[in-house]
Amino acid sequence: MSPLDFQEFQEKLSTHLRPWHRSFQFWVRATNIYTGYKAFQLRVSFVKDVKRQELMWERQHELAADKIYDLCYDLGGFFLKIAQIVGKPDLAPAAWVRKLVTLCDQAPATAPEIVRVMIEKELGRSVDELFERFDDIPLGSASIAQVHRARLRGDKQDIVVKVQHPGIQDIMMTDIRNLQAFALYMQKTDIKFDLFSVTKEMETQIGYEFDFNREADAMQKIKAFLHRNNKRTPVFVPRVLPDLVTRRVLVMEYIDGIPILKLGDEMARRGIDPKGKLATAAKQNILESLTLVYGQMILKSGFFHADPHPGNILICKGSQVALLDYGQVKDLPENLRLGYANLVLALADNDQIKASDSFRELGIGTLTMCEDEQKELFKLAQTMFDTKLPPGVTMLQPFAEGSSIKKIGVKAFPEELFSVLRTVHLLRGLSVGMGLNYSCAEQWRPIAEEALYLAGRLNGKDLKSRTIRRGLIKRTIGRLVGFQ
């Protein structure tokens, strides 16, 4: 065997063994983290002093956070997505959040020479031919791709070039199959929630992210929808350069802004009190903008941006918001869109009976594990689908002892609702991080009413929002007499 043949044999063997090696690494590390917590639960149960228990839990979370961070960073791939989902202040222990939040846009980058080869292969021209300037150091690197700032030849505006990491699809599919097996075990032992369906939906959604042609189409569709529904678009969507899009390379306009995670640091640099009136007004504007566009996308269109982690949000001049990365979008079926609109109204009205009916309409199956089922079911609905925190609560721990999910088990959860769940948890995480507490259900009420009215599921007299009532009735009359 020649040296060249031997090198090719080694590469093929490495490619064949890589999934097995990754699986081994995952299970060794995940088992270590899980058994560490189980052993700690037994140990802390013998401690009677509450303050000492809290200190012990904090230390345990810090130890686990280091291990989870190392797992996600070392393996990369799909586990970076897990870090994005879990690393929010309303969902995970503070020690986890402090560690995992740094992985939003700081994943290991692909080498510049490989990036240049990928661009040349996909676009048919070299980087030097295409660009007057191309920054080899990426603006950010995430689980599937990294982005570079550049400028086309003969142009005066900067653009962004998104380039897919080579071989990443096979890696991530291996990761998610391992996670699905782990989710099955967890839902049968510790967490009474249909985690497997959630991971199946994640598999479907992430499968779409490997086609940048699809992402470009989604960006253009959402951009057009938001312009149609708002006199002044509250959220910027980057403009695509359609002649420079392939399955693995996407070129779009550059938007100048501050990552939302660095907003506090930027305020401090400018001498703005983060708790003052100016800062509070800016934060409220940011949350209102994001809440409005997500309500419109989910409830009016059903087609929405479905990867809402902080790394995808920029804050521009005047507290304007830019929403990036449309690799994951969701096209919600009509029955789920309208069913969710009903649930929004139930949450906004504090209607326990209607919330219970909406759960059944959406296909969310629950297990009765307490006496006051309806009350706990409503609390569960609030935990899952509203951003407002209960009085006196500064952080929500959905899987903590005494939580509604421990009392009302979720045996069946529609896969396609997971993207909605992620969106709500993003908004709640942002509000907690900004020190604000508000209800997205209350803000979405007019949009939900409009969606149900246009679908014939609400009468004009049932509309509680007067503005919506007047606008809808006017438009309806206009269509009937032929003016609109």
Protein backbone atom coordinates (compact mmCIF):
# COMPACT_ATOMS: atom_id res chain seq x y z
CA MET A 1 0.00 0.00 0.00
CA SER A 2 1.41 3.38 -1.05
CA PRO A 3 1.65 6.29 1.44
CA LEU A 4 -1.17 8.06 -0.45
CA ASP A 5 -3.42 4.99 -0.27
CA PHE A 6 -2.65 4.60 3.44
CA GLN A 7 -3.55 8.25 4.11
CA GLU A 8 -6.86 7.81 2.26
CA PHE A 9 -7.54 4.64 4.28
CA GLN A 10 -6.87 6.54 7.53
CA GLU A 11 -9.26 9.33 6.53
CA LYS A 12 -12.03 6.86 5.66
CA LEU A 13 -11.49 4.97 8.94
CA SER A 14 -11.58 8.23 10.91
CA THR A 15 -14.81 9.27 9.18
CA HIS A 16 -16.38 5.87 9.90
CA LEU A 17 -15.33 5.87 13.58
CA ARG A 18 -16.19 9.52 14.31
CA PRO A 19 -19.91 8.88 15.16
CA TRP A 20 -18.92 6.07 17.54
CA HIS A 21 -16.31 8.24 19.21
CA ARG A 22 -18.75 11.15 19.63
CA SER A 23 -21.43 8.83 21.03
CA PHE A 24 -18.95 7.38 23.52
CA GLN A 25 -17.86 10.86 24.61
CA PHE A 26 -21.47 12.01 25.05
CA TRP A 27 -22.61 9.05 27.12
CA VAL A 28 -19.55 9.07 29.39
CA ARG A 29 -19.94 12.79 30.12
CA ALA A 30 -23.74 12.84 30.34
CA THR A 31 -23.75 9.87 32.71
CA ASN A 32 -21.15 11.56 34.90
CA ILE A 33 -23.26 14.75 35.16
CA TYR A 34 -26.49 12.83 35.80
CA THR A 35 -25.09 10.47 38.45
CA GLY A 36 -23.37 13.44 40.10
CA TYR A 37 -26.74 15.11 40.60
CA LYS A 38 -28.42 11.91 41.80
CA ALA A 39 -25.69 11.31 44.39
CA PHE A 40 -25.88 14.94 45.49
CA GLN A 41 -29.68 14.75 45.91
CA LEU A 42 -29.19 11.88 48.34
CA ARG A 43 -26.44 13.71 50.23
CA VAL A 44 -28.31 17.01 50.54
CA SER A 45 -31.44 15.26 51.81
CA PHE A 46 -29.65 14.65 55.13
CA VAL A 47 -29.00 18.38 55.60
CA LYS A 48 -31.78 20.15 57.52
CA ASP A 49 -30.53 23.75 57.41
CA VAL A 50 -32.18 25.49 54.42
CA LYS A 51 -29.44 28.10 53.89
CA ARG A 52 -26.78 25.43 53.92
CA GLN A 53 -28.82 23.43 51.39
CA GLU A 54 -28.97 26.47 49.09
CA LEU A 55 -25.20 26.94 49.29
CA MET A 56 -24.66 23.25 48.56
CA TRP A 57 -26.99 23.39 45.55
CA GLU A 58 -25.19 26.46 44.22
CA ARG A 59 -21.85 24.68 44.45
CA GLN A 60 -23.26 21.56 42.78
CA HIS A 61 -24.67 23.66 39.91
CA GLU A 62 -21.26 25.33 39.46
CA LEU A 63 -19.52 21.96 39.23
CA ALA A 64 -22.11 20.67 36.76
CA ALA A 65 -21.96 23.90 34.73
CA ASP A 66 -18.24 23.41 34.09
CA LYS A 67 -18.87 19.84 32.93
CA ILE A 68 -21.82 20.80 30.71
CA TYR A 69 -19.83 23.67 29.20
CA ASP A 70 -16.89 21.37 28.43
CA LEU A 71 -19.21 18.80 26.84
CA CYS A 72 -20.90 21.40 24.62
CA TYR A 73 -17.68 23.20 23.68
CA ASP A 74 -15.53 20.10 23.07
CA LEU A 75 -18.14 18.22 21.03
CA GLY A 76 -19.70 21.26 19.36
CA GLY A 77 -22.33 20.38 16.78
CA PHE A 78 -25.82 19.94 18.14
CA PHE A 79 -24.72 20.42 21.74
CA LEU A 80 -24.13 24.10 21.01
CA LYS A 81 -27.86 24.27 20.21
CA ILE A 82 -28.61 22.66 23.55
CA ALA A 83 -26.47 25.31 25.26
CA GLN A 84 -28.49 28.02 23.51
CA ILE A 85 -31.81 26.50 24.59
CA VAL A 86 -30.88 25.71 28.18
CA GLY A 87 -28.69 28.73 28.89
CA LYS A 88 -31.50 31.18 29.73
CA PRO A 89 -32.08 32.74 33.17
CA ASP A 90 -35.67 31.52 33.47
CA LEU A 91 -34.94 27.89 32.68
CA ALA A 92 -31.61 26.84 34.15
CA PRO A 93 -29.67 27.43 37.38
CA ALA A 94 -27.76 30.73 37.39
CA ALA A 95 -24.41 28.92 37.34
CA TRP A 96 -25.38 27.11 34.12
CA VAL A 97 -26.55 30.34 32.49
CA ARG A 98 -23.32 32.20 33.31
CA LYS A 99 -21.34 29.46 31.59
CA LEU A 100 -23.54 28.46 28.67
CA VAL A 101 -24.54 31.94 27.53
CA THR A 102 -21.00 32.49 26.22
CA LEU A 103 -21.50 29.71 23.66
CA CYS A 104 -24.20 31.60 21.70
CA ASP A 105 -21.76 32.97 19.12
CA GLN A 106 -18.35 31.73 20.23
CA ALA A 107 -18.29 28.19 18.85
CA PRO A 108 -14.99 26.90 17.42
CA ALA A 109 -14.45 28.44 13.97
CA THR A 110 -13.50 26.73 10.70
CA ALA A 111 -10.02 27.69 9.47
CA PRO A 112 -9.89 30.62 6.96
CA GLU A 113 -8.31 28.54 4.19
CA ILE A 114 -11.16 26.00 4.39
CA VAL A 115 -13.75 28.80 4.37
CA ARG A 116 -12.19 30.26 1.21
CA VAL A 117 -12.23 26.87 -0.53
CA MET A 118 -15.91 26.43 0.42
CA ILE A 119 -16.84 29.86 -1.01
CA GLU A 120 -14.97 29.19 -4.25
CA LYS A 121 -16.59 25.77 -4.62
CA GLU A 122 -20.11 27.09 -3.94
CA LEU A 123 -20.03 30.42 -5.80
CA GLY A 124 -17.69 29.42 -8.64
CA ARG A 125 -15.26 32.31 -8.09
CA SER A 126 -12.38 32.93 -5.70
CA VAL A 127 -12.72 35.17 -2.67
CA ASP A 128 -10.33 37.71 -4.23
CA GLU A 129 -12.40 37.88 -7.40
CA LEU A 130 -15.69 38.37 -5.54
CA PHE A 131 -14.71 40.66 -2.70
CA GLU A 132 -12.82 43.89 -2.40
CA ARG A 133 -12.34 43.03 1.26
CA PHE A 134 -12.95 39.78 3.16
CA ASP A 135 -12.28 39.48 6.90
CA ASP A 136 -10.78 36.06 7.66
CA ILE A 137 -11.62 36.42 11.35
CA PRO A 138 -15.36 35.67 11.62
CA LEU A 139 -17.86 38.00 13.31
CA GLY A 140 -19.21 34.92 15.05
CA SER A 141 -19.24 31.15 14.80
CA ALA A 142 -22.25 29.02 15.72
CA SER A 143 -23.10 25.33 15.60
CA ILE A 144 -23.75 25.07 11.84
CA ALA A 145 -22.03 28.04 10.25
CA GLN A 146 -19.89 31.10 10.80
CA VAL A 147 -20.24 34.63 9.40
CA HIS A 148 -17.62 36.93 7.89
CA ARG A 149 -17.79 40.65 7.18
CA ALA A 150 -16.85 41.58 3.62
CA ARG A 151 -17.40 44.07 0.78
CA LEU A 152 -18.16 43.18 -2.82
CA ARG A 153 -16.00 44.61 -5.57
CA GLY A 154 -17.41 47.88 -6.89
CA ASP A 155 -19.75 48.31 -3.90
CA LYS A 156 -19.65 50.74 -0.97
CA GLN A 157 -21.79 48.76 1.52
CA ASP A 158 -20.49 46.01 3.79
CA ILE A 159 -22.11 42.60 3.56
CA VAL A 160 -22.05 39.37 5.58
CA VAL A 161 -21.02 35.99 4.19
CA LYS A 162 -22.44 32.97 6.02
CA VAL A 163 -20.46 29.77 5.40
CA GLN A 164 -21.42 26.28 6.58
CA HIS A 165 -18.92 24.21 8.56
CA PRO A 166 -17.85 21.24 6.38
CA GLY A 167 -19.21 17.82 7.44
CA ILE A 168 -21.39 19.33 10.16
CA GLN A 169 -24.66 17.64 9.09
CA ASP A 170 -23.50 14.09 9.82
CA ILE A 171 -22.07 15.19 13.17
CA MET A 172 -25.26 16.88 14.31
CA MET A 173 -27.50 14.00 13.28
CA THR A 174 -25.36 11.66 15.40
CA ASP A 175 -25.66 14.06 18.33
CA ILE A 176 -29.43 14.38 18.19
CA ARG A 177 -29.97 10.60 18.06
CA ASN A 178 -27.93 10.29 21.26
CA LEU A 179 -29.94 13.07 22.86
CA GLN A 180 -33.21 11.39 21.87
CA ALA A 181 -32.17 8.23 23.68
CA PHE A 182 -31.20 10.28 26.74
CA ALA A 183 -34.53 12.16 26.58
CA LEU A 184 -36.47 8.88 26.56
CA TYR A 185 -34.65 7.77 29.70
CA MET A 186 -35.15 11.11 31.49
CA GLN A 187 -38.90 11.28 30.81
CA LYS A 188 -39.36 7.79 32.21
CA THR A 189 -37.39 8.49 35.38
CA ASP A 190 -37.06 12.13 36.47
CA ILE A 191 -39.04 14.53 34.26
CA LYS A 192 -42.72 13.89 33.54
CA PHE A 193 -42.68 15.62 30.18
CA ASP A 194 -42.74 14.34 26.60
CA LEU A 195 -39.10 15.22 25.91
CA PHE A 196 -38.79 12.72 23.05
CA SER A 197 -41.35 14.58 20.92
CA VAL A 198 -39.44 17.78 21.59
CA THR A 199 -36.20 16.23 20.34
CA LYS A 200 -37.98 14.84 17.26
CA GLU A 201 -39.15 18.35 16.37
CA MET A 202 -35.62 19.64 16.92
CA GLU A 203 -34.35 16.99 14.51
CA THR A 204 -36.83 18.13 11.86
CA GLN A 205 -36.08 21.82 12.32
CA ILE A 206 -32.31 21.46 12.39
CA GLY A 207 -32.47 19.35 9.23
CA TYR A 208 -33.71 22.48 7.44
CA GLU A 209 -30.75 24.57 8.58
CA PHE A 210 -28.33 22.87 6.19
CA ASP A 211 -30.01 24.42 3.13
CA PHE A 212 -29.21 28.13 2.86
CA ASN A 213 -31.47 28.48 -0.20
CA ARG A 214 -34.40 27.70 2.09
CA GLU A 215 -33.11 30.18 4.66
CA ALA A 216 -32.88 32.95 2.04
CA ASP A 217 -36.47 32.30 0.94
CA ALA A 218 -37.64 32.43 4.58
CA MET A 219 -35.88 35.75 5.19
CA GLN A 220 -37.52 37.34 2.16
CA LYS A 221 -40.96 35.95 3.09
CA ILE A 222 -40.81 37.17 6.70
CA LYS A 223 -39.37 40.54 5.69
CA ALA A 224 -42.27 41.08 3.24
CA PHE A 225 -44.86 39.93 5.84
CA LEU A 226 -43.60 42.36 8.49
CA HIS A 227 -43.62 45.26 6.04
CA ARG A 228 -47.23 44.47 5.07
CA ASN A 229 -48.38 44.38 8.69
CA ASN A 230 -46.55 47.39 10.12
CA LYS A 231 -46.39 51.01 8.98
CA ARG A 232 -42.97 51.14 10.60
CA THR A 233 -41.29 47.75 10.84
CA PRO A 234 -40.30 47.24 14.49
CA VAL A 235 -37.70 44.59 13.65
CA PHE A 236 -35.07 44.62 10.89
CA VAL A 237 -34.60 41.55 8.69
CA PRO A 238 -31.38 41.48 6.64
CA ARG A 239 -31.72 41.84 2.86
CA VAL A 240 -30.55 38.79 0.90
CA LEU A 241 -28.30 39.05 -2.18
CA PRO A 242 -30.13 36.37 -4.19
CA ASP A 243 -27.38 35.93 -6.83
CA LEU A 244 -24.95 34.92 -4.08
CA VAL A 245 -26.88 32.15 -2.35
CA THR A 246 -26.23 28.41 -2.54
CA ARG A 247 -26.98 25.48 -0.26
CA ARG A 248 -23.87 26.16 1.87
CA VAL A 249 -23.12 29.87 1.36
CA LEU A 250 -25.45 32.84 1.99
CA VAL A 251 -24.60 36.50 1.36
CA MET A 252 -26.74 39.24 2.95
CA GLU A 253 -26.53 42.87 4.03
CA TYR A 254 -24.51 43.78 7.08
CA ILE A 255 -26.48 45.26 9.98
CA ASP A 256 -24.55 47.34 12.48
CA GLY A 257 -25.68 46.66 16.02
CA ILE A 258 -24.82 45.46 19.51
CA PRO A 259 -25.53 41.83 20.51
CA ILE A 260 -28.34 41.93 23.06
CA LEU A 261 -26.18 40.08 25.59
CA LYS A 262 -23.74 43.01 25.54
CA LEU A 263 -26.40 45.71 25.90
CA GLY A 264 -25.72 46.21 29.61
CA ASP A 265 -21.98 46.61 29.01
CA GLU A 266 -22.65 49.14 26.24
CA MET A 267 -24.95 51.16 28.50
CA ALA A 268 -22.29 51.20 31.21
CA ARG A 269 -19.66 52.32 28.67
CA ARG A 270 -21.88 55.25 27.71
CA GLY A 271 -22.50 56.19 31.33
CA ILE A 272 -26.19 55.15 31.27
CA ASP A 273 -27.64 53.84 34.52
CA PRO A 274 -28.95 50.33 33.64
CA LYS A 275 -31.74 50.80 36.20
CA GLY A 276 -32.58 54.39 35.22
CA LYS A 277 -35.57 55.65 33.25
CA LEU A 278 -33.69 55.89 29.94
CA ALA A 279 -32.40 52.32 30.14
CA THR A 280 -35.80 50.98 31.26
CA ALA A 281 -37.56 52.72 28.36
CA ALA A 282 -35.04 51.28 25.89
CA LYS A 283 -35.48 47.77 27.30
CA GLN A 284 -39.27 48.05 27.15
CA ASN A 285 -39.06 49.18 23.53
CA ILE A 286 -36.87 46.20 22.65
CA LEU A 287 -39.21 43.71 24.33
CA GLU A 288 -42.32 45.30 22.83
CA SER A 289 -40.80 45.15 19.34
CA LEU A 290 -39.84 41.48 19.63
CA THR A 291 -43.15 40.55 21.27
CA LEU A 292 -45.16 42.32 18.57
CA VAL A 293 -43.44 40.70 15.59
CA TYR A 294 -43.48 37.22 17.14
CA GLY A 295 -47.16 37.59 17.95
CA GLN A 296 -47.87 38.64 14.36
CA MET A 297 -45.76 35.86 12.85
CA ILE A 298 -47.14 33.07 15.05
CA LEU A 299 -50.81 34.07 15.30
CA LYS A 300 -51.51 35.89 12.02
CA SER A 301 -49.20 34.04 9.63
CA GLY A 302 -48.16 30.81 11.35
CA PHE A 303 -44.81 31.18 9.55
CA PHE A 304 -42.17 32.43 11.96
CA HIS A 305 -38.52 32.66 12.92
CA ALA A 306 -37.97 29.62 15.13
CA ASP A 307 -34.42 29.97 16.48
CA PRO A 308 -34.83 32.81 18.95
CA HIS A 309 -31.72 32.70 21.11
CA PRO A 310 -29.88 35.86 22.25
CA GLY A 311 -27.06 35.36 19.73
CA ASN A 312 -29.57 36.10 16.95
CA ILE A 313 -30.70 39.49 18.29
CA LEU A 314 -28.90 42.79 17.62
CA ILE A 315 -29.80 46.18 19.07
CA CYS A 316 -29.33 49.04 16.59
CA LYS A 317 -29.58 52.83 16.89
CA GLY A 318 -32.67 54.11 18.65
CA SER A 319 -33.29 50.75 20.39
CA GLN A 320 -34.28 49.23 17.05
CA VAL A 321 -34.06 45.43 16.95
CA ALA A 322 -32.55 43.25 14.23
CA LEU A 323 -33.43 39.55 14.07
CA LEU A 324 -30.77 37.33 12.47
CA ASP A 325 -30.40 33.69 11.35
CA TYR A 326 -33.45 32.23 9.60
CA GLY A 327 -32.14 28.68 9.26
CA GLN A 328 -34.94 27.46 11.51
CA VAL A 329 -38.39 28.72 10.56
CA LYS A 330 -41.69 27.11 11.42
CA ASP A 331 -44.85 26.89 9.36
CA LEU A 332 -47.49 26.19 11.99
CA PRO A 333 -50.55 24.21 10.79
CA GLU A 334 -53.82 26.16 10.79
CA ASN A 335 -55.39 24.11 13.59
CA LEU A 336 -52.45 24.69 15.90
CA ARG A 337 -52.24 28.39 15.03
CA LEU A 338 -55.90 28.94 15.93
CA GLY A 339 -55.74 26.59 18.91
CA TYR A 340 -52.82 28.56 20.26
CA ALA A 341 -54.75 31.81 19.69
CA ASN A 342 -57.49 30.37 21.94
CA LEU A 343 -54.91 29.52 24.60
CA VAL A 344 -53.51 33.07 24.45
CA LEU A 345 -56.97 34.47 25.17
CA ALA A 346 -57.45 32.02 28.05
CA LEU A 347 -54.13 33.09 29.60
CA ALA A 348 -54.87 36.79 29.10
CA ASP A 349 -58.32 36.35 30.73
CA ASN A 350 -57.08 34.03 33.53
CA ASP A 351 -59.72 31.57 32.35
CA GLN A 352 -58.84 28.13 33.77
CA ILE A 353 -61.64 26.26 31.99
CA LYS A 354 -60.79 27.76 28.60
CA ALA A 355 -57.09 26.98 29.13
CA SER A 356 -57.92 23.35 29.86
CA ASP A 357 -60.07 23.16 26.70
CA SER A 358 -57.26 24.78 24.67
CA PHE A 359 -54.76 22.18 25.91
CA ARG A 360 -57.04 19.43 24.63
CA GLU A 361 -57.60 21.26 21.33
CA LEU A 362 -53.84 21.55 20.84
CA GLY A 363 -53.32 17.85 21.57
CA ILE A 364 -51.34 18.37 24.79
CA GLY A 365 -51.98 15.25 26.86
CA THR A 366 -51.59 15.47 30.63
CA LEU A 367 -51.46 13.09 33.57
CA THR A 368 -53.45 13.99 36.70
CA MET A 369 -51.06 13.88 39.64
CA CYS A 370 -52.78 16.20 42.12
CA GLU A 371 -56.20 17.04 43.57
CA ASP A 372 -56.67 20.55 42.16
CA GLU A 373 -56.03 19.52 38.56
CA GLN A 374 -57.59 22.52 36.81
CA LYS A 375 -55.70 25.08 38.91
CA GLU A 376 -52.36 23.33 38.43
CA LEU A 377 -53.04 22.85 34.71
CA PHE A 378 -53.55 26.59 34.36
CA LYS A 379 -50.28 27.25 36.20
CA LEU A 380 -48.58 24.81 33.83
CA ALA A 381 -50.04 26.66 30.84
CA GLN A 382 -48.70 29.94 32.25
CA THR A 383 -45.28 28.40 32.83
CA MET A 384 -45.09 27.04 29.31
CA PHE A 385 -46.82 29.71 27.22
CA ASP A 386 -46.69 33.07 29.00
CA THR A 387 -43.80 35.29 30.01
CA LYS A 388 -45.26 36.74 33.21
CA LEU A 389 -43.70 35.58 36.46
CA PRO A 390 -45.93 34.94 39.51
CA PRO A 391 -45.88 37.59 42.29
CA GLY A 392 -42.68 37.46 44.34
CA VAL A 393 -40.92 35.10 41.89
CA THR A 394 -37.76 36.39 40.21
CA MET A 395 -36.78 33.20 38.40
CA LEU A 396 -38.90 30.31 37.16
CA GLN A 397 -37.64 26.75 37.53
CA PRO A 398 -40.08 24.59 35.51
CA PHE A 399 -38.64 21.26 36.71
CA ALA A 400 -38.07 22.17 40.35
CA GLU A 401 -39.79 20.31 43.17
CA GLY A 402 -43.26 21.76 43.74
CA SER A 403 -43.59 23.06 40.18
CA SER A 404 -46.74 22.42 38.17
CA ILE A 405 -44.96 20.05 35.82
CA LYS A 406 -44.24 17.78 38.81
CA LYS A 407 -47.94 17.77 39.65
CA ILE A 408 -49.35 17.62 36.10
CA GLY A 409 -47.23 15.35 33.92
CA VAL A 410 -47.18 15.99 30.17
CA LYS A 411 -47.47 12.62 28.43
CA ALA A 412 -48.01 13.99 24.90
CA PHE A 413 -46.77 17.27 23.44
CA PRO A 414 -47.25 18.16 19.74
CA GLU A 415 -43.81 18.38 18.17
CA GLU A 416 -44.73 21.44 16.13
CA LEU A 417 -45.54 23.49 19.25
CA PHE A 418 -41.98 23.26 20.50
CA SER A 419 -40.91 26.27 18.41
CA VAL A 420 -43.69 28.34 20.00
CA LEU A 421 -42.55 27.16 23.43
CA ARG A 422 -38.96 28.21 22.65
CA THR A 423 -40.13 31.65 21.54
CA VAL A 424 -42.06 32.29 24.74
CA HIS A 425 -39.13 31.14 26.84
CA LEU A 426 -36.78 33.43 24.91
CA LEU A 427 -39.02 36.42 25.61
CA ARG A 428 -39.31 35.48 29.28
CA GLY A 429 -35.54 34.98 29.52
CA LEU A 430 -34.94 38.39 28.01
CA SER A 431 -37.44 40.04 30.34
CA VAL A 432 -35.88 38.37 33.40
CA GLY A 433 -32.41 39.41 32.23
CA MET A 434 -33.60 43.00 31.78
CA GLY A 435 -35.38 43.12 35.12
CA LEU A 436 -38.83 43.51 33.54
CA ASN A 437 -41.94 41.41 34.12
CA TYR A 438 -44.76 41.39 31.58
CA SER A 439 -47.30 39.06 29.96
CA CYS A 440 -46.86 38.26 26.27
CA ALA A 441 -50.37 36.73 26.34
CA GLU A 442 -51.86 40.10 27.32
CA GLN A 443 -49.91 41.85 24.57
CA TRP A 444 -50.90 39.21 22.02
CA ARG A 445 -54.62 39.34 22.89
CA PRO A 446 -55.56 41.76 20.02
CA ILE A 447 -53.59 39.68 17.51
CA ALA A 448 -55.19 36.43 18.74
CA GLU A 449 -58.66 38.00 18.56
CA GLU A 450 -58.02 39.16 15.01
CA ALA A 451 -56.80 35.71 13.95
CA LEU A 452 -59.86 33.98 15.43
CA TYR A 453 -62.28 36.59 14.04
CA LEU A 454 -60.90 36.26 10.49
CA ALA A 455 -61.19 32.47 10.81
CA GLY A 456 -64.85 32.79 11.80
CA ARG A 457 -64.27 31.56 15.35
CA LEU A 458 -65.08 34.86 17.09
CA ASN A 459 -68.01 37.24 16.57
CA GLY A 460 -67.58 41.00 16.44
CA LYS A 461 -69.41 41.36 19.77
CA ASP A 462 -66.94 38.95 21.41
CA LEU A 463 -63.91 41.12 20.61
CA LYS A 464 -62.62 42.78 23.77
CA SER A 465 -60.13 45.02 21.98
CA ARG A 466 -62.07 48.01 20.65
CA THR A 467 -59.31 49.00 18.21
CA ILE A 468 -59.29 45.53 16.69
CA ARG A 469 -63.09 45.46 16.59
CA ARG A 470 -63.35 48.75 14.73
CA GLY A 471 -60.53 47.88 12.31
CA LEU A 472 -61.83 44.39 11.51
CA ILE A 473 -65.43 45.45 11.07
CA LYS A 474 -64.36 48.31 8.80
CA ARG A 475 -62.23 45.97 6.67
CA THR A 476 -64.98 43.36 6.54
CA ILE A 477 -67.56 45.92 5.37
CA GLY A 478 -65.04 47.22 2.84
CA ARG A 479 -64.53 43.75 1.36
CA LEU A 480 -68.27 43.10 1.23
CA VAL A 481 -69.05 46.30 -0.71
CA GLY A 482 -66.03 45.90 -2.96
CA PHE A 483 -63.88 48.80 -1.78
CA GLN A 484 -61.01 46.62 -0.46
